């Protein structure tokens, strides 16, 4: 599953730079996670880095975006391939 940030977020800014997929962004009031980019850090780390650094524990699984570990790994592979293609095009 992708992760989500709840309204308990205190905008401490520690999660955004930790995301290897750049899935975290500032919304109108709090940070949000783009479920199309979130892999729960599968492929990068053993644990989701945003969850590890969050001081208020406001980043649970997003029940509206269920994904298996295999699906998350496939998403990671697709995202990293797209990033490599973009880097070679630049």
PDB file of N, CA and C in Angstrom:
ATOM      1  N   UNK A   1       0.831  -1.184   0.000  1.00  0.00           N
ATOM      2  CA  UNK A   1       0.000   0.000   0.000  1.00  0.00           C
ATOM      3  C   UNK A   1       0.870   1.239   0.000  1.00  0.00           C
ATOM      4  N   UNK A   2       0.338   2.247  -0.578  1.00  0.00           N
ATOM      5  CA  UNK A   2       0.996   3.542  -0.447  1.00  0.00           C
ATOM      6  C   UNK A   2       0.770   4.024   0.984  1.00  0.00           C
ATOM      7  N   UNK A   3       1.492   5.032   1.353  1.00  0.00           N
ATOM      8  CA  UNK A   3       1.325   5.641   2.667  1.00  0.00           C
ATOM      9  C   UNK A   3       0.559   6.944   2.494  1.00  0.00           C
ATOM     10  N   UNK A   4       0.061   7.471   3.610  1.00  0.00           N
ATOM     11  CA  UNK A   4      -0.596   8.775   3.564  1.00  0.00           C
ATOM     12  C   UNK A   4      -0.202   9.554   4.807  1.00  0.00           C
ATOM     13  N   UNK A   5      -0.344  10.848   4.740  1.00  0.00           N
ATOM     14  CA  UNK A   5      -0.053  11.710   5.874  1.00  0.00           C
ATOM     15  C   UNK A   5      -1.387  12.231   6.401  1.00  0.00           C
ATOM     16  N   UNK A   6      -1.613  12.043   7.683  1.00  0.00           N
ATOM     17  CA  UNK A   6      -2.878  12.455   8.284  1.00  0.00           C
ATOM     18  C   UNK A   6      -2.839  13.919   8.705  1.00  0.00           C
ATOM     19  N   UNK A   7      -3.992  14.426   9.118  1.00  0.00           N
ATOM     20  CA  UNK A   7      -4.065  15.829   9.528  1.00  0.00           C
ATOM     21  C   UNK A   7      -3.390  16.093  10.876  1.00  0.00           C
ATOM     22  N   UNK A   8      -2.785  15.068  11.454  1.00  0.00           N
ATOM     23  CA  UNK A   8      -1.979  15.253  12.660  1.00  0.00           C
ATOM     24  C   UNK A   8      -0.588  15.798  12.326  1.00  0.00           C
ATOM     25  N   UNK A   9      -0.278  15.909  11.040  1.00  0.00           N
ATOM     26  CA  UNK A   9       1.014  16.423  10.573  1.00  0.00           C
ATOM     27  C   UNK A   9       1.264  17.807  11.158  1.00  0.00           C
ATOM     28  N   UNK A  10       2.482  18.035  11.638  1.00  0.00           N
ATOM     29  CA  UNK A  10       2.855  19.327  12.218  1.00  0.00           C
ATOM     30  C   UNK A  10       3.764  20.134  11.282  1.00  0.00           C
ATOM     31  N   UNK A  11       3.894  19.695  10.032  1.00  0.00           N
ATOM     32  CA  UNK A  11       4.710  20.391   9.032  1.00  0.00           C
ATOM     33  C   UNK A  11       6.144  20.611   9.502  1.00  0.00           C
ATOM     34  N   UNK A  12       6.727  19.587  10.066  1.00  0.00           N
ATOM     35  CA  UNK A  12       8.093  19.709  10.585  1.00  0.00           C
ATOM     36  C   UNK A  12       9.146  19.626   9.477  1.00  0.00           C
ATOM     37  N   UNK A  13       8.736  19.228   8.279  1.00  0.00           N
ATOM     38  CA  UNK A  13       9.612  19.200   7.101  1.00  0.00           C
ATOM     39  C   UNK A  13      10.657  18.087   7.089  1.00  0.00           C
ATOM     40  N   UNK A  14      10.576  17.113   7.977  1.00  0.00           N
ATOM     41  CA  UNK A  14      11.610  16.074   7.982  1.00  0.00           C
ATOM     42  C   UNK A  14      11.325  14.940   7.008  1.00  0.00           C
ATOM     43  N   UNK A  15      10.078  14.711   6.640  1.00  0.00           N
ATOM     44  CA  UNK A  15       9.752  13.572   5.779  1.00  0.00           C
ATOM     45  C   UNK A  15      10.098  13.810   4.307  1.00  0.00           C
ATOM     46  N   UNK A  16       9.821  15.003   3.817  1.00  0.00           N
ATOM     47  CA  UNK A  16       9.979  15.279   2.386  1.00  0.00           C
ATOM     48  C   UNK A  16      11.369  14.942   1.847  1.00  0.00           C
ATOM     49  N   UNK A  17      12.448  15.404   2.467  1.00  0.00           N
ATOM     50  CA  UNK A  17      13.771  15.094   1.905  1.00  0.00           C
ATOM     51  C   UNK A  17      14.176  13.621   2.056  1.00  0.00           C
ATOM     52  N   UNK A  18      13.489  12.877   2.898  1.00  0.00           N
ATOM     53  CA  UNK A  18      13.827  11.466   3.104  1.00  0.00           C
ATOM     54  C   UNK A  18      13.244  10.552   2.033  1.00  0.00           C
ATOM     55  N   UNK A  19      12.265  11.028   1.276  1.00  0.00           N
ATOM     56  CA  UNK A  19      11.577  10.179   0.299  1.00  0.00           C
ATOM     57  C   UNK A  19      12.420   9.976  -0.953  1.00  0.00           C
ATOM     58  N   UNK A  20      12.848   8.745  -1.233  1.00  0.00           N
ATOM     59  CA  UNK A  20      13.691   8.502  -2.406  1.00  0.00           C
ATOM     60  C   UNK A  20      12.933   8.625  -3.731  1.00  0.00           C
ATOM     61  N   UNK A  21      11.602   8.589  -3.678  1.00  0.00           N
ATOM     62  CA  UNK A  21      10.798   8.680  -4.893  1.00  0.00           C
ATOM     63  C   UNK A  21      10.203  10.062  -5.122  1.00  0.00           C
ATOM     64  N   UNK A  22      10.532  11.003  -4.237  1.00  0.00           N
ATOM     65  CA  UNK A  22       9.983  12.353  -4.312  1.00  0.00           C
ATOM     66  C   UNK A  22       8.462  12.341  -4.352  1.00  0.00           C
ATOM     67  N   UNK A  23       7.866  11.454  -3.546  1.00  0.00           N
ATOM     68  CA  UNK A  23       6.416  11.304  -3.495  1.00  0.00           C
ATOM     69  C   UNK A  23       5.760  12.267  -2.512  1.00  0.00           C
ATOM     70  N   UNK A  24       6.543  12.874  -1.641  1.00  0.00           N
ATOM     71  CA  UNK A  24       5.999  13.751  -0.606  1.00  0.00           C
ATOM     72  C   UNK A  24       6.092  15.201  -1.065  1.00  0.00           C
ATOM     73  N   UNK A  25       4.987  15.911  -0.915  1.00  0.00           N
ATOM     74  CA  UNK A  25       4.952  17.318  -1.313  1.00  0.00           C
ATOM     75  C   UNK A  25       4.070  18.109  -0.352  1.00  0.00           C
ATOM     76  N   UNK A  26       4.285  19.399  -0.303  1.00  0.00           N
ATOM     77  CA  UNK A  26       3.503  20.266   0.566  1.00  0.00           C
ATOM     78  C   UNK A  26       2.174  20.568  -0.086  1.00  0.00           C
ATOM     79  N   UNK A  27       1.101  20.272   0.618  1.00  0.00           N
ATOM     80  CA  UNK A  27      -0.239  20.604   0.158  1.00  0.00           C
ATOM     81  C   UNK A  27      -0.641  21.971   0.682  1.00  0.00           C
ATOM     82  N   UNK A  28      -1.919  22.303   0.585  1.00  0.00           N
ATOM     83  CA  UNK A  28      -2.387  23.611   1.051  1.00  0.00           C
ATOM     84  C   UNK A  28      -2.124  23.854   2.544  1.00  0.00           C
ATOM     85  N   UNK A  29      -2.214  22.784   3.351  1.00  0.00           N
ATOM     86  CA  UNK A  29      -2.029  22.954   4.794  1.00  0.00           C
ATOM     87  C   UNK A  29      -0.995  22.009   5.397  1.00  0.00           C
ATOM     88  N   UNK A  30      -0.932  20.789   4.891  1.00  0.00           N
ATOM     89  CA  UNK A  30       0.007  19.791   5.398  1.00  0.00           C
ATOM     90  C   UNK A  30       0.659  19.074   4.226  1.00  0.00           C
ATOM     91  N   UNK A  31       1.646  18.255   4.548  1.00  0.00           N
ATOM     92  CA  UNK A  31       2.290  17.453   3.521  1.00  0.00           C
ATOM     93  C   UNK A  31       1.357  16.337   3.053  1.00  0.00           C
ATOM     94  N   UNK A  32       1.566  15.895   1.815  1.00  0.00           N
ATOM     95  CA  UNK A  32       0.792  14.811   1.215  1.00  0.00           C
ATOM     96  C   UNK A  32       1.757  13.840   0.553  1.00  0.00           C
ATOM     97  N   UNK A  33       1.257  12.639   0.279  1.00  0.00           N
ATOM     98  CA  UNK A  33       2.040  11.627  -0.423  1.00  0.00           C
ATOM     99  C   UNK A  33       1.312  11.243  -1.701  1.00  0.00           C
ATOM    100  N   UNK A  34       2.000  11.306  -2.820  1.00  0.00           N
ATOM    101  CA  UNK A  34       1.429  10.904  -4.108  1.00  0.00           C
ATOM    102  C   UNK A  34       1.457   9.376  -4.166  1.00  0.00           C
ATOM    103  N   UNK A  35       0.285   8.717  -4.161  1.00  0.00           N
ATOM    104  CA  UNK A  35       0.261   7.261  -4.160  1.00  0.00           C
ATOM    105  C   UNK A  35       0.851   6.638  -5.424  1.00  0.00           C
ATOM    106  N   UNK A  36       0.907   7.404  -6.503  1.00  0.00           N
ATOM    107  CA  UNK A  36       1.501   6.891  -7.741  1.00  0.00           C
ATOM    108  C   UNK A  36       3.019   6.823  -7.654  1.00  0.00           C
ATOM    109  N   UNK A  37       3.607   7.547  -6.701  1.00  0.00           N
ATOM    110  CA  UNK A  37       5.059   7.552  -6.542  1.00  0.00           C
ATOM    111  C   UNK A  37       5.529   6.809  -5.295  1.00  0.00           C
ATOM    112  N   UNK A  38       4.631   6.575  -4.352  1.00  0.00           N
ATOM    113  CA  UNK A  38       5.011   5.935  -3.085  1.00  0.00           C
ATOM    114  C   UNK A  38       5.167   4.424  -3.258  1.00  0.00           C
ATOM    115  N   UNK A  39       6.321   3.921  -2.847  1.00  0.00           N
ATOM    116  CA  UNK A  39       6.576   2.477  -2.867  1.00  0.00           C
ATOM    117  C   UNK A  39       6.842   1.949  -1.460  1.00  0.00           C
ATOM    118  N   UNK A  40       6.532   2.758  -0.439  1.00  0.00           N
ATOM    119  CA  UNK A  40       6.882   2.417   0.945  1.00  0.00           C
ATOM    120  C   UNK A  40       8.382   2.160   1.063  1.00  0.00           C
ATOM    121  N   UNK A  41       9.146   2.767   0.195  1.00  0.00           N
ATOM    122  CA  UNK A  41      10.603   2.629   0.105  1.00  0.00           C
ATOM    123  C   UNK A  41      11.059   1.236  -0.328  1.00  0.00           C
ATOM    124  N   UNK A  42      10.132   0.395  -0.777  1.00  0.00           N
ATOM    125  CA  UNK A  42      10.506  -0.919  -1.313  1.00  0.00           C
ATOM    126  C   UNK A  42      11.475  -0.682  -2.478  1.00  0.00           C
ATOM    127  N   UNK A  43      12.566  -1.402  -2.478  1.00  0.00           N
ATOM    128  CA  UNK A  43      13.599  -1.233  -3.491  1.00  0.00           C
ATOM    129  C   UNK A  43      14.711  -0.296  -3.055  1.00  0.00           C
ATOM    130  N   UNK A  44      14.408   0.578  -2.126  1.00  0.00           N
ATOM    131  CA  UNK A  44      15.399   1.528  -1.625  1.00  0.00           C
ATOM    132  C   UNK A  44      15.874   1.168  -0.217  1.00  0.00           C
ATOM    133  N   UNK A  45      14.913   0.934   0.678  1.00  0.00           N
ATOM    134  CA  UNK A  45      15.211   0.695   2.089  1.00  0.00           C
ATOM    135  C   UNK A  45      14.309  -0.417   2.631  1.00  0.00           C
ATOM    136  N   UNK A  46      14.656  -0.939   3.791  1.00  0.00           N
ATOM    137  CA  UNK A  46      13.851  -1.976   4.432  1.00  0.00           C
ATOM    138  C   UNK A  46      12.581  -1.424   5.062  1.00  0.00           C
ATOM    139  N   UNK A  47      12.622  -0.163   5.460  1.00  0.00           N
ATOM    140  CA  UNK A  47      11.482   0.482   6.111  1.00  0.00           C
ATOM    141  C   UNK A  47      11.197   1.821   5.433  1.00  0.00           C
ATOM    142  N   UNK A  48       9.939   2.252   5.420  1.00  0.00           N
ATOM    143  CA  UNK A  48       9.636   3.571   4.868  1.00  0.00           C
ATOM    144  C   UNK A  48      10.368   4.667   5.655  1.00  0.00           C
ATOM    145  N   UNK A  49      11.155   5.439   4.965  1.00  0.00           N
ATOM    146  CA  UNK A  49      11.979   6.442   5.627  1.00  0.00           C
ATOM    147  C   UNK A  49      11.162   7.566   6.252  1.00  0.00           C
ATOM    148  N   UNK A  50      10.054   7.938   5.627  1.00  0.00           N
ATOM    149  CA  UNK A  50       9.230   9.000   6.199  1.00  0.00           C
ATOM    150  C   UNK A  50       8.644   8.573   7.541  1.00  0.00           C
ATOM    151  N   UNK A  51       8.251   7.313   7.634  1.00  0.00           N
ATOM    152  CA  UNK A  51       7.704   6.786   8.892  1.00  0.00           C
ATOM    153  C   UNK A  51       8.790   6.771   9.958  1.00  0.00           C
ATOM    154  N   UNK A  52       9.995   6.418   9.564  1.00  0.00           N
ATOM    155  CA  UNK A  52      11.111   6.349  10.501  1.00  0.00           C
ATOM    156  C   UNK A  52      11.429   7.707  11.135  1.00  0.00           C
ATOM    157  N   UNK A  53      11.310   8.787  10.357  1.00  0.00           N
ATOM    158  CA  UNK A  53      11.709  10.101  10.874  1.00  0.00           C
ATOM    159  C   UNK A  53      10.553  10.928  11.428  1.00  0.00           C
ATOM    160  N   UNK A  54       9.325  10.530  11.176  1.00  0.00           N
ATOM    161  CA  UNK A  54       8.166  11.326  11.604  1.00  0.00           C
ATOM    162  C   UNK A  54       8.074  11.380  13.131  1.00  0.00           C
ATOM    163  N   UNK A  55       8.118  12.587  13.715  1.00  0.00           N
ATOM    164  CA  UNK A  55       8.078  12.692  15.174  1.00  0.00           C
ATOM    165  C   UNK A  55       6.690  12.534  15.785  1.00  0.00           C
ATOM    166  N   UNK A  56       5.637  12.595  14.955  1.00  0.00           N
ATOM    167  CA  UNK A  56       4.280  12.506  15.503  1.00  0.00           C
ATOM    168  C   UNK A  56       3.519  11.265  15.039  1.00  0.00           C
ATOM    169  N   UNK A  57       4.189  10.376  14.332  1.00  0.00           N
ATOM    170  CA  UNK A  57       3.584   9.110  13.910  1.00  0.00           C
ATOM    171  C   UNK A  57       2.270   9.331  13.155  1.00  0.00           C
ATOM    172  N   UNK A  58       2.325  10.180  12.111  1.00  0.00           N
ATOM    173  CA  UNK A  58       1.109  10.507  11.360  1.00  0.00           C
ATOM    174  C   UNK A  58       1.146   9.980   9.926  1.00  0.00           C
ATOM    175  N   UNK A  59       1.913   8.902   9.687  1.00  0.00           N
ATOM    176  CA  UNK A  59       2.033   8.367   8.324  1.00  0.00           C
ATOM    177  C   UNK A  59       1.654   6.881   8.319  1.00  0.00           C
ATOM    178  N   UNK A  60       0.356   6.589   8.274  1.00  0.00           N
ATOM    179  CA  UNK A  60      -0.096   5.194   8.221  1.00  0.00           C
ATOM    180  C   UNK A  60      -0.213   4.706   6.776  1.00  0.00           C
ATOM    181  N   UNK A  61      -0.554   3.438   6.626  1.00  0.00           N
ATOM    182  CA  UNK A  61      -0.858   2.884   5.311  1.00  0.00           C
ATOM    183  C   UNK A  61      -2.124   3.540   4.777  1.00  0.00           C
ATOM    184  N   UNK A  62      -2.177   3.737   3.486  1.00  0.00           N
ATOM    185  CA  UNK A  62      -3.341   4.330   2.840  1.00  0.00           C
ATOM    186  C   UNK A  62      -4.243   3.197   2.362  1.00  0.00           C
ATOM    187  N   UNK A  63      -5.296   2.930   3.108  1.00  0.00           N
ATOM    188  CA  UNK A  63      -6.207   1.823   2.803  1.00  0.00           C
ATOM    189  C   UNK A  63      -6.884   1.981   1.443  1.00  0.00           C
ATOM    190  N   UNK A  64      -6.923   3.183   0.916  1.00  0.00           N
ATOM    191  CA  UNK A  64      -7.548   3.420  -0.387  1.00  0.00           C
ATOM    192  C   UNK A  64      -6.641   3.033  -1.555  1.00  0.00           C
ATOM    193  N   UNK A  65      -5.391   2.697  -1.245  1.00  0.00           N
ATOM    194  CA  UNK A  65      -4.432   2.304  -2.286  1.00  0.00           C
ATOM    195  C   UNK A  65      -3.729   0.999  -1.898  1.00  0.00           C
ATOM    196  N   UNK A  66      -4.466  -0.111  -1.871  1.00  0.00           N
ATOM    197  CA  UNK A  66      -3.854  -1.388  -1.497  1.00  0.00           C
ATOM    198  C   UNK A  66      -2.904  -1.896  -2.586  1.00  0.00           C
ATOM    199  N   UNK A  67      -1.720  -2.297  -2.165  1.00  0.00           N
ATOM    200  CA  UNK A  67      -0.722  -2.834  -3.092  1.00  0.00           C
ATOM    201  C   UNK A  67       0.091  -3.894  -2.367  1.00  0.00           C
ATOM    202  N   UNK A  68       0.406  -4.955  -3.071  1.00  0.00           N
ATOM    203  CA  UNK A  68       1.249  -6.001  -2.502  1.00  0.00           C
ATOM    204  C   UNK A  68       2.709  -5.565  -2.598  1.00  0.00           C
ATOM    205  N   UNK A  69       3.562  -6.282  -1.894  1.00  0.00           N
ATOM    206  CA  UNK A  69       4.999  -5.992  -1.971  1.00  0.00           C
ATOM    207  C   UNK A  69       5.492  -6.144  -3.411  1.00  0.00           C
ATOM    208  N   UNK A  70       4.973  -7.122  -4.128  1.00  0.00           N
ATOM    209  CA  UNK A  70       5.365  -7.335  -5.521  1.00  0.00           C
ATOM    210  C   UNK A  70       4.954  -6.140  -6.387  1.00  0.00           C
ATOM    211  N   UNK A  71       3.768  -5.614  -6.145  1.00  0.00           N
ATOM    212  CA  UNK A  71       3.302  -4.446  -6.887  1.00  0.00           C
ATOM    213  C   UNK A  71       4.171  -3.235  -6.580  1.00  0.00           C
ATOM    214  N   UNK A  72       4.516  -3.065  -5.300  1.00  0.00           N
ATOM    215  CA  UNK A  72       5.390  -1.952  -4.915  1.00  0.00           C
ATOM    216  C   UNK A  72       6.761  -2.086  -5.558  1.00  0.00           C
ATOM    217  N   UNK A  73       7.287  -3.303  -5.636  1.00  0.00           N
ATOM    218  CA  UNK A  73       8.588  -3.527  -6.266  1.00  0.00           C
ATOM    219  C   UNK A  73       8.516  -3.219  -7.761  1.00  0.00           C
ATOM    220  N   UNK A  74       7.427  -3.616  -8.410  1.00  0.00           N
ATOM    221  CA  UNK A  74       7.256  -3.311  -9.831  1.00  0.00           C
ATOM    222  C   UNK A  74       7.164  -1.798 -10.050  1.00  0.00           C
ATOM    223  N   UNK A  75       6.479  -1.100  -9.147  1.00  0.00           N
ATOM    224  CA  UNK A  75       6.381   0.358  -9.240  1.00  0.00           C
ATOM    225  C   UNK A  75       7.766   0.982  -9.067  1.00  0.00           C
ATOM    226  N   UNK A  76       8.540   0.483  -8.092  1.00  0.00           N
ATOM    227  CA  UNK A  76       9.918   0.956  -7.878  1.00  0.00           C
ATOM    228  C   UNK A  76      10.744   0.785  -9.161  1.00  0.00           C
ATOM    229  N   UNK A  77      10.648  -0.386  -9.778  1.00  0.00           N
ATOM    230  CA  UNK A  77      11.422  -0.654 -10.992  1.00  0.00           C
ATOM    231  C   UNK A  77      11.002   0.274 -12.126  1.00  0.00           C
ATOM    232  N   UNK A  78       9.702   0.518 -12.262  1.00  0.00           N
ATOM    233  CA  UNK A  78       9.202   1.424 -13.289  1.00  0.00           C
ATOM    234  C   UNK A  78       9.684   2.854 -13.037  1.00  0.00           C
ATOM    235  N   UNK A  79       9.610   3.294 -11.780  1.00  0.00           N
ATOM    236  CA  UNK A  79      10.029   4.655 -11.441  1.00  0.00           C
ATOM    237  C   UNK A  79      11.531   4.858 -11.638  1.00  0.00           C
ATOM    238  N   UNK A  80      12.336   3.887 -11.231  1.00  0.00           N
ATOM    239  CA  UNK A  80      13.785   4.039 -11.380  1.00  0.00           C
ATOM    240  C   UNK A  80      14.190   3.973 -12.850  1.00  0.00           C
ATOM    241  N   UNK A  81      13.502   3.160 -13.651  1.00  0.00           N
ATOM    242  CA  UNK A  81      13.794   3.102 -15.085  1.00  0.00           C
ATOM    243  C   UNK A  81      13.438   4.434 -15.745  1.00  0.00           C
ATOM    244  N   UNK A  82      12.300   5.012 -15.358  1.00  0.00           N
ATOM    245  CA  UNK A  82      11.890   6.299 -15.918  1.00  0.00           C
ATOM    246  C   UNK A  82      12.876   7.393 -15.524  1.00  0.00           C
ATOM    247  N   UNK A  83      13.366   7.344 -14.294  1.00  0.00           N
ATOM    248  CA  UNK A  83      14.329   8.351 -13.832  1.00  0.00           C
ATOM    249  C   UNK A  83      15.646   8.218 -14.604  1.00  0.00           C
ATOM    250  N   UNK A  84      16.102   6.989 -14.838  1.00  0.00           N
ATOM    251  CA  UNK A  84      17.328   6.780 -15.603  1.00  0.00           C
ATOM    252  C   UNK A  84      17.161   7.288 -17.035  1.00  0.00           C
ATOM    253  N   UNK A  85      16.003   6.999 -17.628  1.00  0.00           N
ATOM    254  CA  UNK A  85      15.738   7.474 -19.001  1.00  0.00           C
ATOM    255  C   UNK A  85      15.734   8.989 -19.053  1.00  0.00           C
ATOM    256  N   UNK A  86      15.154   9.627 -18.041  1.00  0.00           N
ATOM    257  CA  UNK A  86      15.120  11.095 -17.976  1.00  0.00           C
ATOM    258  C   UNK A  86      16.535  11.656 -17.828  1.00  0.00           C
ATOM    259  N   UNK A  87      17.352  11.014 -17.004  1.00  0.00           N
ATOM    260  CA  UNK A  87      18.720  11.493 -16.804  1.00  0.00           C
ATOM    261  C   UNK A  87      19.546  11.383 -18.073  1.00  0.00           C
ATOM    262  N   UNK A  88      19.372  10.318 -18.828  1.00  0.00           N
ATOM    263  CA  UNK A  88      20.117  10.167 -20.078  1.00  0.00           C
ATOM    264  C   UNK A  88      19.614  11.120 -21.152  1.00  0.00           C
ATOM    265  N   UNK A  89      18.339  11.502 -21.094  1.00  0.00           N
ATOM    266  CA  UNK A  89      17.794  12.452 -22.048  1.00  0.00           C
ATOM    267  C   UNK A  89      18.272  13.870 -21.787  1.00  0.00           C
ATOM    268  N   UNK A  90      18.594  14.145 -20.525  1.00  0.00           N
ATOM    269  CA  UNK A  90      19.055  15.506 -20.155  1.00  0.00           C
ATOM    270  C   UNK A  90      20.478  15.645 -20.557  1.00  0.00           C
TER     271      UNK A  90
END
